[in-house]
N, C-alpha and C. Protein backbone atom coordinates (compact mmCIF):
# COMPACT_ATOMS: atom_id res chain seq x y z
N UNK A 1 -51.83 56.13 46.12
CA UNK A 1 -50.91 56.00 45.22
C UNK A 1 -49.33 55.19 45.52
N UNK A 2 -48.97 55.80 46.74
CA UNK A 2 -47.91 55.02 47.38
C UNK A 2 -48.19 53.62 47.35
N UNK A 3 -49.26 53.32 47.65
CA UNK A 3 -49.26 51.61 47.72
C UNK A 3 -49.33 50.95 46.30
N UNK A 4 -49.54 51.92 45.44
CA UNK A 4 -49.72 51.45 43.82
C UNK A 4 -47.89 51.32 43.42
N UNK A 5 -47.27 52.06 43.69
CA UNK A 5 -45.92 52.33 43.65
C UNK A 5 -45.24 51.30 44.33
N UNK A 6 -45.68 50.85 45.35
CA UNK A 6 -44.83 49.88 46.26
C UNK A 6 -45.34 48.62 45.59
N UNK A 7 -46.51 48.34 45.37
CA UNK A 7 -47.18 47.18 44.94
C UNK A 7 -46.15 46.89 43.74
N UNK A 8 -46.24 47.97 42.54
CA UNK A 8 -45.55 47.76 41.49
C UNK A 8 -43.91 47.38 41.45
N UNK A 9 -43.18 47.90 42.74
CA UNK A 9 -42.07 47.63 42.66
C UNK A 9 -41.81 46.24 43.32
N UNK A 10 -42.62 45.71 44.15
CA UNK A 10 -42.44 44.31 44.47
C UNK A 10 -43.04 43.32 43.37
N UNK A 11 -43.84 43.78 42.62
CA UNK A 11 -43.97 42.74 41.30
C UNK A 11 -42.86 42.89 40.66
N UNK A 12 -42.38 43.89 40.31
CA UNK A 12 -41.12 43.80 39.48
C UNK A 12 -39.86 43.22 40.10
N UNK A 13 -39.77 43.36 41.52
CA UNK A 13 -38.53 42.46 42.07
C UNK A 13 -38.94 40.95 41.86
N UNK A 14 -40.15 40.47 42.17
CA UNK A 14 -40.46 39.19 42.40
C UNK A 14 -40.37 38.59 40.78
N UNK A 15 -40.77 39.28 39.90
CA UNK A 15 -40.55 38.82 38.29
C UNK A 15 -39.13 38.75 38.00
N UNK A 16 -38.44 39.57 38.72
CA UNK A 16 -36.82 39.56 38.22
C UNK A 16 -36.10 38.44 39.00
N UNK A 17 -36.58 38.09 40.09
CA UNK A 17 -36.10 37.12 40.85
C UNK A 17 -36.42 35.56 40.11
N UNK A 18 -37.56 35.42 39.30
CA UNK A 18 -38.14 34.42 39.03
C UNK A 18 -37.56 34.11 37.30
N UNK A 19 -37.37 34.93 36.86
CA UNK A 19 -36.77 34.95 35.55
C UNK A 19 -35.25 34.26 35.53
N UNK A 20 -34.90 33.34 34.73
CA UNK A 20 -33.61 32.77 34.32
C UNK A 20 -33.03 33.93 33.89
N UNK A 21 -31.43 33.59 34.46
CA UNK A 21 -30.44 34.65 33.74
C UNK A 21 -30.13 33.73 32.49
N UNK A 22 -29.98 34.54 31.46
CA UNK A 22 -29.58 34.12 30.39
C UNK A 22 -28.22 34.57 30.11
N UNK A 23 -26.86 33.73 29.85
CA UNK A 23 -25.59 34.29 29.85
C UNK A 23 -25.45 33.93 28.41
N UNK A 24 -24.65 34.53 27.64
CA UNK A 24 -24.32 34.31 26.27
C UNK A 24 -23.22 33.23 26.29
N UNK A 25 -23.13 31.99 25.36
CA UNK A 25 -22.41 31.15 25.21
C UNK A 25 -21.69 31.35 24.31
N UNK A 26 -20.29 31.34 24.50
CA UNK A 26 -19.13 31.59 23.46
C UNK A 26 -19.04 30.61 22.38
N UNK A 27 -18.88 30.96 21.15
CA UNK A 27 -18.59 29.95 20.17
C UNK A 27 -17.48 28.90 20.60
N UNK A 28 -17.80 27.62 20.07
CA UNK A 28 -16.54 26.75 20.23
C UNK A 28 -15.55 26.97 19.19
N UNK A 29 -14.23 26.83 20.00
CA UNK A 29 -12.92 27.20 19.41
C UNK A 29 -12.49 25.93 18.24
N UNK A 30 -12.47 26.23 17.39
CA UNK A 30 -11.97 25.46 16.01
C UNK A 30 -10.67 25.31 15.61
N UNK A 31 -9.91 24.47 15.41
CA UNK A 31 -8.78 24.16 15.01
C UNK A 31 -8.66 23.28 13.58
N UNK A 32 -7.85 23.71 12.52
CA UNK A 32 -7.80 22.79 11.33
C UNK A 32 -7.06 21.53 11.60
N UNK A 33 -7.57 20.45 11.17
CA UNK A 33 -6.86 19.27 11.43
C UNK A 33 -5.96 19.11 10.24
N UNK A 34 -4.87 18.89 10.65
CA UNK A 34 -3.93 18.75 9.66
C UNK A 34 -2.97 17.45 9.61
N UNK A 35 -3.57 16.42 10.31
CA UNK A 35 -2.89 15.22 10.36
C UNK A 35 -4.12 14.17 10.55
N UNK A 36 -3.56 12.76 9.32
CA UNK A 36 -4.64 11.92 9.25
C UNK A 36 -3.95 10.88 10.53
N UNK A 37 -4.98 10.31 11.41
CA UNK A 37 -4.82 9.53 12.47
C UNK A 37 -5.81 8.43 12.27
N UNK A 38 -5.30 7.26 12.81
CA UNK A 38 -6.20 6.10 12.99
C UNK A 38 -6.68 6.24 14.44
N UNK A 39 -8.05 6.65 14.53
CA UNK A 39 -8.40 6.92 16.03
C UNK A 39 -9.08 5.57 16.55
N UNK A 40 -9.16 4.50 15.65
CA UNK A 40 -9.54 3.08 16.29
C UNK A 40 -8.48 2.38 16.55
N UNK A 41 -8.04 2.03 17.59
CA UNK A 41 -6.84 1.46 17.88
C UNK A 41 -7.02 -0.23 17.14
N UNK A 42 -6.03 -0.47 16.59
CA UNK A 42 -5.98 -2.00 15.99
C UNK A 42 -6.28 -2.89 17.00
N UNK A 43 -7.18 -4.00 17.17
CA UNK A 43 -7.52 -4.97 18.04
C UNK A 43 -6.71 -6.12 17.95
N UNK A 44 -5.90 -6.28 16.90
CA UNK A 44 -5.12 -7.45 16.46
C UNK A 44 -5.87 -8.64 16.48
N UNK A 45 -6.98 -8.86 15.78
CA UNK A 45 -7.82 -10.05 15.74
C UNK A 45 -7.47 -11.27 15.39
N UNK A 46 -6.06 -11.04 14.04
CA UNK A 46 -5.73 -12.28 14.02
C UNK A 46 -4.63 -12.98 14.77
N UNK A 47 -4.20 -12.40 15.84
CA UNK A 47 -3.14 -12.93 16.80
C UNK A 47 -3.75 -12.48 18.04
N UNK A 48 -4.80 -12.84 18.61
CA UNK A 48 -5.60 -12.12 19.73
C UNK A 48 -5.09 -12.84 20.97
N UNK A 49 -3.71 -12.96 21.14
CA UNK A 49 -2.89 -13.52 22.26
C UNK A 49 -2.40 -12.40 23.16
N UNK A 50 -2.99 -11.14 22.89
CA UNK A 50 -2.22 -10.21 23.59
C UNK A 50 -2.92 -9.82 25.10
N UNK A 51 -1.70 -9.73 26.02
CA UNK A 51 -2.01 -9.41 27.38
C UNK A 51 -1.84 -8.23 27.85
N UNK A 52 -2.76 -7.67 28.28
CA UNK A 52 -2.84 -6.29 28.49
C UNK A 52 -1.85 -6.29 30.18
N UNK A 53 -0.64 -5.48 29.66
CA UNK A 53 0.12 -5.24 30.96
C UNK A 53 -0.03 -4.04 32.10
N UNK A 54 0.51 -3.88 32.94
CA UNK A 54 0.49 -2.67 33.78
C UNK A 54 1.43 -1.76 33.11
N UNK A 55 2.69 -2.14 32.91
CA UNK A 55 3.48 -1.22 32.35
C UNK A 55 3.30 -0.98 30.67
N UNK A 56 3.31 0.35 30.56
CA UNK A 56 2.83 0.97 29.31
C UNK A 56 3.97 1.30 28.54
N UNK A 57 3.98 1.06 27.13
CA UNK A 57 5.42 1.64 26.40
C UNK A 57 5.14 3.49 26.27
N UNK A 58 6.12 4.11 25.91
CA UNK A 58 6.06 5.30 25.74
C UNK A 58 6.78 6.04 24.41
N UNK A 59 6.71 7.13 24.15
CA UNK A 59 7.57 7.63 23.00
C UNK A 59 6.79 7.01 21.57
N UNK A 60 7.58 7.77 20.51
CA UNK A 60 7.08 7.30 19.10
C UNK A 60 8.28 7.01 18.28
N UNK A 61 8.12 6.08 17.44
CA UNK A 61 9.20 5.93 16.47
C UNK A 61 8.96 6.33 15.21
N UNK A 62 9.20 7.27 14.24
CA UNK A 62 9.07 7.59 13.18
C UNK A 62 9.84 7.13 11.97
N UNK A 63 9.16 6.36 11.08
CA UNK A 63 9.61 5.91 9.86
C UNK A 63 9.05 6.09 8.41
N UNK A 64 9.59 6.05 7.38
CA UNK A 64 9.64 6.18 5.91
C UNK A 64 10.28 5.23 5.36
N UNK A 65 9.92 5.34 3.92
CA UNK A 65 10.44 4.43 2.93
C UNK A 65 10.37 3.43 3.02
N UNK A 66 11.20 2.29 2.38
CA UNK A 66 11.27 0.95 2.54
C UNK A 66 11.85 0.28 3.64
N UNK A 67 11.03 -0.43 4.53
CA UNK A 67 11.52 -1.01 5.72
C UNK A 67 10.56 -2.25 6.29
N UNK A 68 11.47 -3.24 7.29
CA UNK A 68 10.87 -3.83 8.31
C UNK A 68 11.22 -3.32 9.71
N UNK A 69 10.26 -3.18 10.46
CA UNK A 69 10.49 -2.52 11.63
C UNK A 69 10.16 -3.62 12.78
N UNK A 70 11.09 -4.22 13.51
CA UNK A 70 11.09 -5.22 14.43
C UNK A 70 10.46 -4.38 15.83
N UNK A 71 9.32 -4.81 16.63
CA UNK A 71 8.95 -4.37 17.55
C UNK A 71 9.61 -5.48 18.83
N UNK A 72 9.84 -4.52 19.90
CA UNK A 72 10.40 -5.38 20.84
C UNK A 72 9.92 -4.54 22.16
N UNK A 73 9.57 -5.19 23.42
CA UNK A 73 9.32 -4.41 24.80
C UNK A 73 10.51 -3.61 24.93
N UNK A 74 10.20 -2.40 25.77
CA UNK A 74 11.17 -1.59 26.56
C UNK A 74 11.80 -2.49 27.65
N UNK A 75 12.72 -1.89 28.38
CA UNK A 75 13.26 -2.85 29.73
C UNK A 75 12.05 -2.75 30.68
N UNK A 76 11.20 -1.98 31.06
CA UNK A 76 10.01 -2.16 32.17
C UNK A 76 9.11 -3.23 31.65
N UNK A 77 8.76 -3.20 30.31
CA UNK A 77 7.83 -3.93 29.83
C UNK A 77 8.31 -5.80 29.80
N UNK A 78 9.91 -5.49 29.71
CA UNK A 78 10.30 -6.86 29.47
C UNK A 78 10.35 -7.56 30.62
N UNK A 79 10.88 -6.60 31.81
CA UNK A 79 10.90 -7.19 33.29
C UNK A 79 9.23 -7.85 33.45
N UNK A 80 8.41 -6.87 33.21
CA UNK A 80 7.10 -7.51 33.47
C UNK A 80 6.61 -8.81 33.02
N UNK A 81 7.46 -9.14 31.64
CA UNK A 81 7.03 -10.07 30.89
C UNK A 81 7.75 -11.47 31.64
N UNK A 82 9.12 -11.04 32.11
CA UNK A 82 9.83 -12.07 32.70
C UNK A 82 9.11 -12.44 34.04
N UNK A 83 8.35 -11.73 34.97
CA UNK A 83 7.97 -11.92 35.84
C UNK A 83 6.52 -12.95 35.96
N UNK A 84 6.01 -12.47 34.81
CA UNK A 84 4.87 -13.23 34.36
C UNK A 84 5.15 -14.68 33.85
N UNK A 85 6.05 -14.86 33.15
CA UNK A 85 6.60 -15.98 32.65
C UNK A 85 7.45 -16.81 33.36
N UNK A 86 7.78 -16.30 34.41
CA UNK A 86 8.52 -17.25 35.30
C UNK A 86 10.19 -17.36 34.64
N UNK A 87 10.43 -16.44 34.27
CA UNK A 87 11.75 -16.40 33.77
C UNK A 87 12.09 -16.82 32.41
N UNK A 88 10.93 -17.37 31.65
CA UNK A 88 10.92 -17.92 30.36
C UNK A 88 10.83 -16.83 29.26
N UNK A 89 10.60 -15.83 29.51
CA UNK A 89 10.65 -14.74 28.46
C UNK A 89 11.79 -14.50 27.93
N UNK A 90 13.06 -14.52 28.71
CA UNK A 90 14.42 -14.44 27.89
C UNK A 90 14.62 -15.32 26.76
N UNK A 91 14.07 -16.78 26.79
CA UNK A 91 14.19 -17.60 25.62
C UNK A 91 13.36 -16.93 24.47
N UNK A 92 12.28 -16.53 24.45
CA UNK A 92 11.77 -16.06 23.35
C UNK A 92 12.33 -14.71 22.90
N UNK A 93 12.64 -13.91 23.97
CA UNK A 93 13.38 -12.92 23.36
C UNK A 93 14.73 -13.19 22.81
N UNK A 94 15.47 -13.95 23.29
CA UNK A 94 16.61 -14.36 22.45
C UNK A 94 16.44 -14.99 21.14
N UNK A 95 15.37 -15.70 21.12
CA UNK A 95 14.91 -16.21 19.72
C UNK A 95 14.57 -14.97 18.70
N UNK A 96 14.04 -14.04 19.13
CA UNK A 96 13.29 -12.90 18.28
C UNK A 96 14.72 -12.51 17.84
N UNK A 97 15.56 -11.98 18.92
CA UNK A 97 17.04 -11.23 18.73
C UNK A 97 17.59 -12.05 17.51
N UNK A 98 17.79 -13.54 17.82
CA UNK A 98 18.46 -14.26 16.90
C UNK A 98 17.91 -14.23 15.23
N UNK A 99 16.61 -13.93 15.35
CA UNK A 99 15.79 -13.76 14.04
C UNK A 99 15.97 -12.47 13.69
N UNK A 100 16.30 -11.66 14.27
CA UNK A 100 16.50 -9.92 13.65
C UNK A 100 18.07 -10.03 13.29
N UNK A 101 18.96 -10.62 13.96
CA UNK A 101 20.19 -10.66 13.68
C UNK A 101 20.13 -11.30 12.15
N UNK A 102 19.82 -12.47 12.08
CA UNK A 102 19.94 -13.15 10.71
C UNK A 102 19.31 -12.43 9.74
N UNK A 103 18.13 -11.87 9.97
CA UNK A 103 17.51 -10.76 8.89
C UNK A 103 18.52 -9.61 8.56
N UNK A 104 19.27 -9.33 9.45
CA UNK A 104 20.06 -7.83 9.20
C UNK A 104 21.32 -8.32 8.22
N UNK A 105 21.90 -9.67 8.64
CA UNK A 105 22.97 -10.23 7.98
C UNK A 105 22.69 -10.63 6.45
N UNK A 106 21.51 -11.41 6.51
CA UNK A 106 21.09 -11.55 4.83
C UNK A 106 20.78 -10.40 4.18
N UNK A 107 20.28 -9.03 4.96
CA UNK A 107 20.23 -7.97 3.90
C UNK A 107 21.11 -7.25 3.66
N UNK A 108 21.95 -7.28 4.47
CA UNK A 108 23.41 -6.87 4.21
C UNK A 108 24.44 -7.43 2.89
N UNK A 109 24.23 -8.85 2.98
CA UNK A 109 25.01 -9.53 2.33
C UNK A 109 24.34 -9.62 0.82
N UNK A 110 23.29 -9.27 0.43
CA UNK A 110 22.63 -9.28 -0.75
C UNK A 110 21.99 -8.07 -1.16
N UNK A 111 22.74 -7.72 -2.53
CA UNK A 111 22.24 -6.43 -3.23
C UNK A 111 20.97 -6.00 -3.35
N UNK A 112 20.24 -7.33 -3.55
CA UNK A 112 18.99 -6.89 -3.88
C UNK A 112 18.13 -6.26 -2.92
N UNK A 113 18.48 -6.19 -1.49
CA UNK A 113 17.84 -5.73 -0.29
C UNK A 113 18.62 -4.19 -0.06
N UNK A 114 19.13 -3.90 -0.79
CA UNK A 114 20.02 -2.68 -0.50
C UNK A 114 18.99 -1.51 -0.08
N UNK A 115 18.01 -1.29 -0.66
CA UNK A 115 16.76 -0.26 -0.19
C UNK A 115 15.84 -0.61 0.85
N UNK A 116 16.16 -1.63 1.57
CA UNK A 116 15.10 -1.93 2.58
C UNK A 116 15.70 -1.98 3.76
N UNK A 117 15.31 -0.92 4.65
CA UNK A 117 16.06 -0.77 6.06
C UNK A 117 15.47 -1.66 7.13
N UNK A 118 16.14 -1.89 8.00
CA UNK A 118 15.85 -2.81 9.16
C UNK A 118 16.08 -1.72 10.41
N UNK A 119 14.75 -1.74 10.93
CA UNK A 119 14.70 -0.96 12.21
C UNK A 119 14.01 -1.60 13.26
N UNK A 120 14.31 -1.26 14.74
CA UNK A 120 13.93 -2.07 15.90
C UNK A 120 13.47 -1.02 16.55
N UNK A 121 12.19 -1.19 17.38
CA UNK A 121 11.56 -0.09 18.19
C UNK A 121 10.95 -0.78 19.67
N UNK A 122 11.16 -0.26 20.62
CA UNK A 122 10.41 -0.51 21.65
C UNK A 122 9.54 0.56 22.23
N UNK A 123 9.22 1.41 21.40
CA UNK A 123 8.31 2.56 21.55
C UNK A 123 6.95 2.10 21.45
N UNK A 124 6.10 3.13 21.99
CA UNK A 124 4.62 2.58 22.03
C UNK A 124 4.17 2.83 20.72
N UNK A 125 4.23 4.10 20.17
CA UNK A 125 3.69 4.75 19.05
C UNK A 125 4.42 4.45 17.77
N UNK A 126 4.09 4.07 16.48
CA UNK A 126 4.81 4.03 15.47
C UNK A 126 4.35 5.05 14.50
N UNK A 127 4.86 6.16 13.76
CA UNK A 127 4.35 7.00 13.01
C UNK A 127 4.98 6.52 11.59
N UNK A 128 4.15 5.85 10.81
CA UNK A 128 4.69 5.72 9.62
C UNK A 128 4.09 7.04 8.52
N UNK A 129 5.18 7.47 7.62
CA UNK A 129 4.96 8.78 7.23
C UNK A 129 4.51 8.61 5.63
N UNK A 130 4.90 7.60 4.96
CA UNK A 130 4.66 7.61 3.78
C UNK A 130 4.01 6.37 3.26
N UNK A 131 3.21 5.71 3.82
CA UNK A 131 2.63 4.42 3.59
C UNK A 131 1.24 4.75 2.86
N UNK A 132 0.70 3.76 2.32
CA UNK A 132 -0.77 4.18 1.81
C UNK A 132 -1.64 4.90 2.77
N UNK A 133 -2.50 5.98 2.38
CA UNK A 133 -3.08 6.41 3.50
C UNK A 133 -2.18 7.07 4.48
N UNK A 134 -1.42 7.25 4.50
CA UNK A 134 -0.61 7.85 5.66
C UNK A 134 -0.54 9.23 5.58
N UNK A 135 -0.07 9.76 6.80
CA UNK A 135 0.66 9.23 8.04
C UNK A 135 -0.02 8.48 8.66
N UNK A 136 0.21 7.27 9.26
CA UNK A 136 -0.22 6.56 9.84
C UNK A 136 0.06 6.10 11.52
N UNK A 137 -0.47 6.34 12.25
CA UNK A 137 0.24 6.26 13.59
C UNK A 137 -0.59 4.58 14.54
N UNK A 138 0.49 4.13 14.39
CA UNK A 138 0.07 2.81 15.19
C UNK A 138 0.12 2.84 16.89
N UNK A 139 -0.80 2.56 17.52
CA UNK A 139 -0.64 2.19 19.03
C UNK A 139 -0.38 0.74 19.42
N UNK A 140 1.06 0.59 19.89
CA UNK A 140 1.24 -1.04 19.89
C UNK A 140 1.33 -1.11 21.32
N UNK A 141 0.59 -0.74 22.20
CA UNK A 141 0.90 -0.80 23.64
C UNK A 141 0.38 -2.37 24.19
N UNK A 142 -0.36 -2.86 23.20
CA UNK A 142 -0.39 -4.24 23.54
C UNK A 142 0.31 -5.31 22.98
N UNK A 143 1.13 -4.86 22.15
CA UNK A 143 1.94 -5.67 21.40
C UNK A 143 3.31 -5.62 21.90
N UNK A 144 3.82 -6.76 22.25
CA UNK A 144 5.30 -7.03 22.94
C UNK A 144 6.09 -7.31 21.68
N UNK A 145 6.06 -8.19 20.82
CA UNK A 145 6.85 -8.38 19.92
C UNK A 145 6.12 -8.68 18.44
N UNK A 146 6.75 -8.49 17.55
CA UNK A 146 6.17 -8.42 16.14
C UNK A 146 6.80 -7.79 15.05
N UNK A 147 6.46 -7.42 14.09
CA UNK A 147 7.23 -6.68 12.86
C UNK A 147 6.17 -5.85 12.17
N UNK A 148 6.49 -4.87 11.41
CA UNK A 148 5.49 -4.17 10.39
C UNK A 148 6.22 -3.81 9.47
N UNK A 149 5.97 -4.32 7.86
CA UNK A 149 6.46 -3.94 6.69
C UNK A 149 5.93 -2.64 6.03
N UNK A 150 6.71 -1.72 5.42
CA UNK A 150 6.35 -0.84 4.71
C UNK A 150 6.90 -0.40 3.67
N UNK A 151 6.35 0.26 2.87
CA UNK A 151 7.01 1.04 1.80
C UNK A 151 6.22 2.17 1.01
N UNK A 152 6.87 3.21 0.48
CA UNK A 152 6.29 4.41 0.08
C UNK A 152 5.19 4.00 -0.68
N UNK A 153 4.02 4.63 -0.52
CA UNK A 153 2.55 4.37 -1.02
C UNK A 153 1.95 3.17 -0.90
N UNK A 154 2.46 2.23 -0.19
CA UNK A 154 1.93 0.71 -0.05
C UNK A 154 1.25 0.40 1.08
N UNK A 155 0.02 -0.37 1.20
CA UNK A 155 -0.59 -0.61 2.52
C UNK A 155 0.79 -1.24 3.35
N UNK A 156 0.59 -1.34 4.84
CA UNK A 156 1.44 -1.90 5.66
C UNK A 156 1.18 -3.36 5.82
N UNK A 157 2.17 -4.28 6.16
CA UNK A 157 1.86 -5.71 6.57
C UNK A 157 2.15 -5.76 7.84
N UNK A 158 1.89 -6.50 8.70
CA UNK A 158 2.27 -6.56 10.00
C UNK A 158 1.79 -7.84 10.46
N UNK A 159 2.70 -8.50 11.74
CA UNK A 159 2.57 -9.43 12.37
C UNK A 159 2.88 -9.08 13.89
N UNK A 160 1.86 -9.41 14.78
CA UNK A 160 2.19 -8.99 16.28
C UNK A 160 2.02 -10.14 17.03
N UNK A 161 2.86 -10.28 18.13
CA UNK A 161 2.84 -11.45 19.23
C UNK A 161 3.32 -12.56 18.59
N UNK A 162 3.98 -12.68 17.73
CA UNK A 162 4.51 -14.01 17.15
C UNK A 162 6.16 -13.86 16.87
N UNK A 163 7.05 -14.74 17.14
CA UNK A 163 7.91 -14.54 17.14
C UNK A 163 8.74 -16.13 16.60
N UNK A 164 10.02 -15.89 16.04
CA UNK A 164 10.80 -17.14 15.94
C UNK A 164 12.27 -16.83 15.64
N UNK A 165 13.14 -17.73 15.81
CA UNK A 165 14.30 -17.60 15.67
C UNK A 165 14.94 -17.59 14.39
N UNK A 166 14.18 -17.85 13.02
CA UNK A 166 14.77 -17.83 11.87
C UNK A 166 14.74 -16.32 11.48
N UNK A 167 15.17 -16.07 10.03
CA UNK A 167 15.45 -14.66 9.59
C UNK A 167 13.79 -14.41 9.18
N UNK A 168 13.66 -13.32 8.51
CA UNK A 168 12.62 -12.81 8.13
C UNK A 168 12.48 -12.52 6.95
N UNK A 169 13.53 -13.05 6.05
CA UNK A 169 13.81 -12.58 4.36
C UNK A 169 12.57 -13.00 3.85
N UNK A 170 11.93 -14.22 3.99
CA UNK A 170 10.72 -14.76 3.41
C UNK A 170 9.42 -13.78 3.53
N UNK A 171 9.29 -13.10 4.41
CA UNK A 171 8.20 -12.20 4.68
C UNK A 171 8.43 -10.92 4.06
N UNK A 172 9.66 -10.74 4.13
CA UNK A 172 10.38 -9.42 3.04
C UNK A 172 10.23 -9.56 1.83
N UNK A 173 10.75 -10.74 1.23
CA UNK A 173 10.53 -11.18 -0.14
C UNK A 173 9.10 -11.03 -0.83
N UNK A 174 8.18 -11.54 0.20
CA UNK A 174 6.65 -11.68 -0.40
C UNK A 174 6.15 -10.63 -0.36
N UNK A 175 6.37 -9.68 0.69
CA UNK A 175 5.74 -8.20 0.85
C UNK A 175 6.47 -7.12 -0.32
N UNK A 176 7.49 -7.40 -0.76
CA UNK A 176 8.36 -6.39 -1.53
C UNK A 176 8.23 -7.13 -2.79
N UNK A 177 7.54 -8.26 -3.43
CA UNK A 177 7.69 -9.04 -4.36
C UNK A 177 9.08 -9.28 -4.82
N UNK A 178 9.78 -9.80 -4.26
CA UNK A 178 11.40 -10.03 -4.73
C UNK A 178 11.41 -11.37 -4.94
N UNK A 179 10.22 -12.34 -5.24
CA UNK A 179 10.56 -13.68 -5.38
C UNK A 179 11.50 -13.93 -6.62
């Protein structure tokens, strides 16, 4: 009888060692999604001259209403562009700055543009609150220069990595149908 108890206890011990431990898995935590975000970054196929730089832009610019938003590099990115272009980045930046100034002056001097804001941003992310399908978040880390046009309820228009020294009133008139 002692042998039977002994064998039974060994059998129970071996069986318990061979059985895998089953641990309950907690249910996943769920949170309500309250923001529409474009998860696929814009690859900029129409102007694919983007160069991936080591310096990444930071922060976010928030915009709403009717505006043209000019995209410029921050100081760190500008310094890197200047090193890569052997000090020629200053000419392009100065041309773009002249274009922005010309646009601001043209908009200020004509009442038909009074509701269109001129914004300038060196920030990486652009959050457009009231465009069509908005809010829309744009990651412009590979974009050093360009502009975005937007108005409430309308799809945005954008031009990346293309600059000139003339004003941008033609693009504004075309987007806002002010011909």
